Amino acid sequence: MARTDAPARRRRRVIRMEQSAARQHPPRRRRGYTLRFDIGGVTGHLTTNAYPDGKLGEVWVSVDQQGSPLSGFLDSLFAAVSLGLQHGVPLETYVAKYAGAQFDPRGPVSDPDIGFAHSLPDYVFRRLALDYLDAATCTRLGIAGGPTEE
């Protein structure tokens, strides 16, 4: 007895990819900042660079534990984020995905605008939202400054 729901009869979902946006390299000289932070016993530095229009183009996070799995994870994550930003992925997309992520290290942060972070990506993307997104977007994403330990 033949089955009528054979795999050959199943509809396949076809995803069509539009041509991806060309990479927009940041200019050789760019504006940005480096911010030192402490979270859950880990000291690190957040470095940002922006395009002349003020739009974020690069993000780098380094921690004092060079060579550690945490350092390697952060290098890889933020290299990918920077590449995405340079190809037109909105910062808002990353903030929506990573703000609120919960894993160690977590705890009080030496940044009075944030107060408490549930992970390093939670801290970094909330900090970036406060610095690079408008107030209405931050509100819509649930990003607010100040202590938020829960």
Protein backbone atom coordinates (compact mmCIF):
# COMPACT_ATOMS: atom_id res chain seq x y z
CA MET A 1 0.00 0.00 0.00
CA ALA A 2 1.54 3.27 -1.13
CA ARG A 3 1.53 6.26 1.19
CA THR A 4 0.02 9.40 -0.24
CA ASP A 5 2.14 11.68 1.93
CA ALA A 6 5.43 10.55 0.46
CA PRO A 7 8.32 13.03 0.77
CA ALA A 8 8.22 13.68 -2.99
CA ARG A 9 4.76 15.20 -2.61
CA ARG A 10 5.70 17.53 0.21
CA ARG A 11 6.02 21.14 -0.72
CA ARG A 12 9.45 22.53 -0.28
CA ARG A 13 9.91 25.96 1.07
CA VAL A 14 12.00 27.95 -1.34
CA ILE A 15 13.97 30.83 0.06
CA ARG A 16 15.14 33.34 -2.48
CA MET A 17 18.09 35.42 -1.46
CA GLU A 18 18.41 38.92 -2.82
CA GLN A 19 21.88 40.08 -3.63
CA SER A 20 23.50 41.01 -0.35
CA ALA A 21 24.45 44.59 0.36
CA ALA A 22 27.98 45.49 -0.58
CA ARG A 23 30.34 45.91 2.31
CA GLN A 24 30.83 49.50 3.36
CA HIS A 25 34.26 49.73 4.94
CA PRO A 26 34.62 52.38 7.63
CA PRO A 27 36.88 55.28 6.66
CA ARG A 28 40.56 55.08 7.52
CA ARG A 29 40.13 57.74 10.21
CA ARG A 30 36.94 57.26 12.21
CA ARG A 31 35.19 58.49 15.32
CA GLY A 32 34.52 56.21 18.22
CA TYR A 33 35.32 55.49 21.82
CA THR A 34 36.85 52.91 24.10
CA LEU A 35 35.08 52.21 27.38
CA ARG A 36 36.49 50.15 30.25
CA PHE A 37 33.98 47.98 32.10
CA ASP A 38 33.86 45.40 34.88
CA ILE A 39 31.18 42.71 35.07
CA GLY A 40 31.11 39.61 37.24
CA GLY A 41 34.83 39.80 38.00
CA VAL A 42 35.82 40.28 34.35
CA THR A 43 37.45 43.50 33.19
CA GLY A 44 37.10 44.43 29.56
CA HIS A 45 37.12 47.18 26.99
CA LEU A 46 34.41 48.04 24.49
CA THR A 47 35.68 49.88 21.40
CA THR A 48 33.33 51.35 18.81
CA ASN A 49 33.94 53.11 15.51
CA ALA A 50 31.35 55.00 13.51
CA TYR A 51 30.90 56.24 9.97
CA PRO A 52 30.96 60.01 9.35
CA ASP A 53 27.14 60.04 9.60
CA GLY A 54 27.37 58.64 13.15
CA LYS A 55 26.12 55.16 12.26
CA LEU A 56 27.96 52.35 14.05
CA GLY A 57 30.40 50.48 11.80
CA GLU A 58 32.65 48.44 14.09
CA VAL A 59 32.50 46.95 17.57
CA TRP A 60 35.33 45.21 19.38
CA VAL A 61 35.28 43.76 22.88
CA SER A 62 38.41 42.57 24.62
CA VAL A 63 38.74 41.08 28.08
CA ASP A 64 41.76 40.77 30.32
CA GLN A 65 41.68 36.98 29.95
CA GLN A 66 43.57 36.80 26.64
CA GLY A 67 43.67 33.33 25.16
CA SER A 68 40.67 32.17 27.19
CA PRO A 69 37.53 30.65 25.66
CA LEU A 70 35.66 33.83 26.69
CA SER A 71 38.15 36.01 24.82
CA GLY A 72 37.91 33.82 21.71
CA PHE A 73 34.11 33.85 21.85
CA LEU A 74 33.99 37.63 22.12
CA ASP A 75 36.53 38.12 19.31
CA SER A 76 34.49 35.90 17.01
CA LEU A 77 31.09 37.34 17.96
CA PHE A 78 32.07 40.96 17.53
CA ALA A 79 34.03 40.37 14.32
CA ALA A 80 30.81 38.88 12.91
CA VAL A 81 28.73 41.76 14.29
CA SER A 82 31.11 44.31 12.74
CA LEU A 83 30.97 42.53 9.40
CA GLY A 84 27.17 42.47 9.58
CA LEU A 85 27.00 46.18 10.38
CA GLN A 86 29.27 46.89 7.40
CA HIS A 87 26.91 44.89 5.17
CA GLY A 88 23.87 46.84 6.33
CA VAL A 89 22.47 44.75 9.20
CA PRO A 90 20.86 47.30 11.53
CA LEU A 91 22.25 47.59 15.06
CA GLU A 92 18.65 47.26 16.22
CA THR A 93 18.62 43.66 14.93
CA TYR A 94 21.58 42.71 17.12
CA VAL A 95 20.19 44.55 20.15
CA ALA A 96 16.86 42.72 19.83
CA LYS A 97 18.69 39.38 19.67
CA TYR A 98 21.41 39.74 22.32
CA ALA A 99 20.20 42.28 24.89
CA GLY A 100 18.82 40.20 27.74
CA ALA A 101 20.97 37.12 27.01
CA GLN A 102 21.70 35.39 30.31
CA PHE A 103 24.92 33.53 31.11
CA ASP A 104 28.12 34.08 33.09
CA PRO A 105 29.83 36.35 33.68
CA ARG A 106 26.95 38.45 34.96
CA GLY A 107 26.47 40.92 37.76
CA PRO A 108 26.83 44.57 38.67
CA VAL A 109 28.56 46.62 35.98
CA SER A 110 30.92 49.53 36.52
CA ASP A 111 28.78 51.54 34.06
CA PRO A 112 26.20 53.67 35.90
CA ASP A 113 23.96 53.82 32.81
CA ILE A 114 23.51 50.03 32.87
CA GLY A 115 24.01 49.03 36.51
CA PHE A 116 23.52 45.27 36.15
CA ALA A 117 24.09 42.94 33.20
CA HIS A 118 22.94 39.36 32.69
CA SER A 119 25.93 38.59 30.38
CA LEU A 120 28.67 40.37 28.47
CA PRO A 121 26.58 40.53 25.26
CA ASP A 122 23.63 41.86 27.31
CA TYR A 123 25.83 44.67 28.62
CA VAL A 124 27.50 45.48 25.30
CA PHE A 125 24.31 45.59 23.23
CA ARG A 126 22.45 47.64 25.83
CA ARG A 127 25.39 50.08 25.95
CA LEU A 128 25.45 50.28 22.14
CA ALA A 129 21.70 50.87 22.03
CA LEU A 130 21.98 53.76 24.48
CA ASP A 131 24.84 55.28 22.48
CA TYR A 132 23.73 54.70 18.89
CA LEU A 133 19.94 54.24 18.76
CA ASP A 134 17.30 56.90 19.31
CA ALA A 135 15.19 56.99 22.47
CA ALA A 136 12.04 55.69 20.75
CA THR A 137 13.88 52.64 19.40
CA CYS A 138 15.45 51.96 22.80
CA THR A 139 12.03 52.16 24.44
CA ARG A 140 10.50 49.81 21.85
CA LEU A 141 13.33 47.32 22.47
CA GLY A 142 12.97 47.59 26.25
CA ILE A 143 16.38 49.20 26.70
CA ALA A 144 16.67 51.59 29.60
CA GLY A 145 19.58 52.86 31.61
CA GLY A 146 20.14 52.27 35.30
CA PRO A 147 20.20 49.20 37.55
CA THR A 148 17.87 46.41 36.42
CA GLU A 149 18.84 43.39 38.53
CA GLU A 150 16.05 40.85 38.55
